[in-house]
Amino acid sequence: MPQLDTSTWFITILSMIVTLFIVFQLKISKHLYPLNPEPKSAMMLKQPNPWEKKWTKIYLPLSLPLQ
């Protein structure tokens, strides 16, 4: 059974890692980030819920009349 030649594995793996690093760096460098992000107001984004429009009473078990 022939022996597997592993002498080129190191340079192959190393060149693959370097190539992946360069590709990802180029991919990230082409992404446009906002220059001056502004925080959005929480009051402007709040949507009224249907249960906030009307008054509701919550009955606790201890506040029920005695039987």
Protein backbone atom coordinates (compact mmCIF):
# COMPACT_ATOMS: atom_id res chain seq x y z
CA MET A 1 0.00 0.00 0.00
CA PRO A 2 1.59 3.35 -1.01
CA GLN A 3 2.37 5.95 1.58
CA LEU A 4 0.37 9.20 1.42
CA ASP A 5 2.59 12.15 0.51
CA THR A 6 1.83 14.97 2.97
CA SER A 7 4.78 17.20 2.13
CA THR A 8 2.63 19.77 0.29
CA TRP A 9 -0.19 19.94 2.83
CA PHE A 10 1.37 22.71 4.90
CA ILE A 11 1.80 25.14 2.01
CA THR A 12 -1.65 24.23 0.64
CA ILE A 13 -3.41 24.89 3.95
CA LEU A 14 -1.39 28.04 4.59
CA SER A 15 -2.13 29.48 1.16
CA MET A 16 -5.83 28.64 1.58
CA ILE A 17 -5.98 30.50 4.90
CA VAL A 18 -4.18 33.53 3.45
CA THR A 19 -6.49 33.55 0.42
CA LEU A 20 -9.60 33.35 2.61
CA PHE A 21 -8.31 36.18 4.77
CA ILE A 22 -7.70 38.40 1.72
CA VAL A 23 -11.10 37.58 0.22
CA PHE A 24 -12.90 38.42 3.46
CA GLN A 25 -10.92 41.63 3.89
CA LEU A 26 -11.89 42.74 0.39
CA LYS A 27 -15.51 41.80 1.04
CA ILE A 28 -15.62 43.79 4.29
CA SER A 29 -13.82 46.80 2.80
CA LYS A 30 -16.48 47.17 0.08
CA HIS A 31 -19.29 47.35 2.64
CA LEU A 32 -20.57 50.90 3.21
CA TYR A 33 -21.09 51.77 6.84
CA PRO A 34 -23.13 54.84 7.90
CA LEU A 35 -20.85 57.74 8.71
CA ASN A 36 -22.86 59.29 11.54
CA PRO A 37 -25.53 56.98 12.94
CA GLU A 38 -28.27 58.78 14.84
CA PRO A 39 -30.21 57.05 17.60
CA LYS A 40 -33.92 56.76 16.95
CA SER A 41 -36.29 58.08 19.56
CA ALA A 42 -38.12 55.39 21.48
CA MET A 43 -41.21 57.61 21.75
CA MET A 44 -41.52 57.90 17.98
CA LEU A 45 -41.27 54.14 17.47
CA LYS A 46 -43.79 53.16 20.16
CA GLN A 47 -47.01 51.74 18.76
CA PRO A 48 -50.14 51.96 20.91
CA ASN A 49 -51.43 48.57 21.99
CA PRO A 50 -55.19 47.91 21.97
CA TRP A 51 -55.19 47.20 25.71
CA GLU A 52 -53.56 50.56 26.47
CA LYS A 53 -56.51 52.50 25.03
CA LYS A 54 -59.04 51.40 27.62
CA TRP A 55 -59.09 50.89 31.37
CA THR A 56 -59.23 47.32 32.58
CA LYS A 57 -59.60 46.02 36.10
CA ILE A 58 -57.57 43.06 37.31
CA TYR A 59 -59.30 40.90 39.90
CA LEU A 60 -57.00 39.22 42.36
CA PRO A 61 -58.12 35.92 43.92
CA LEU A 62 -58.07 37.47 47.41
CA SER A 63 -60.28 40.40 46.36
CA LEU A 64 -63.17 38.19 45.33
CA PRO A 65 -66.18 38.13 47.66
CA LEU A 66 -66.24 35.41 50.29
CA GLN A 67 -68.52 32.45 49.63
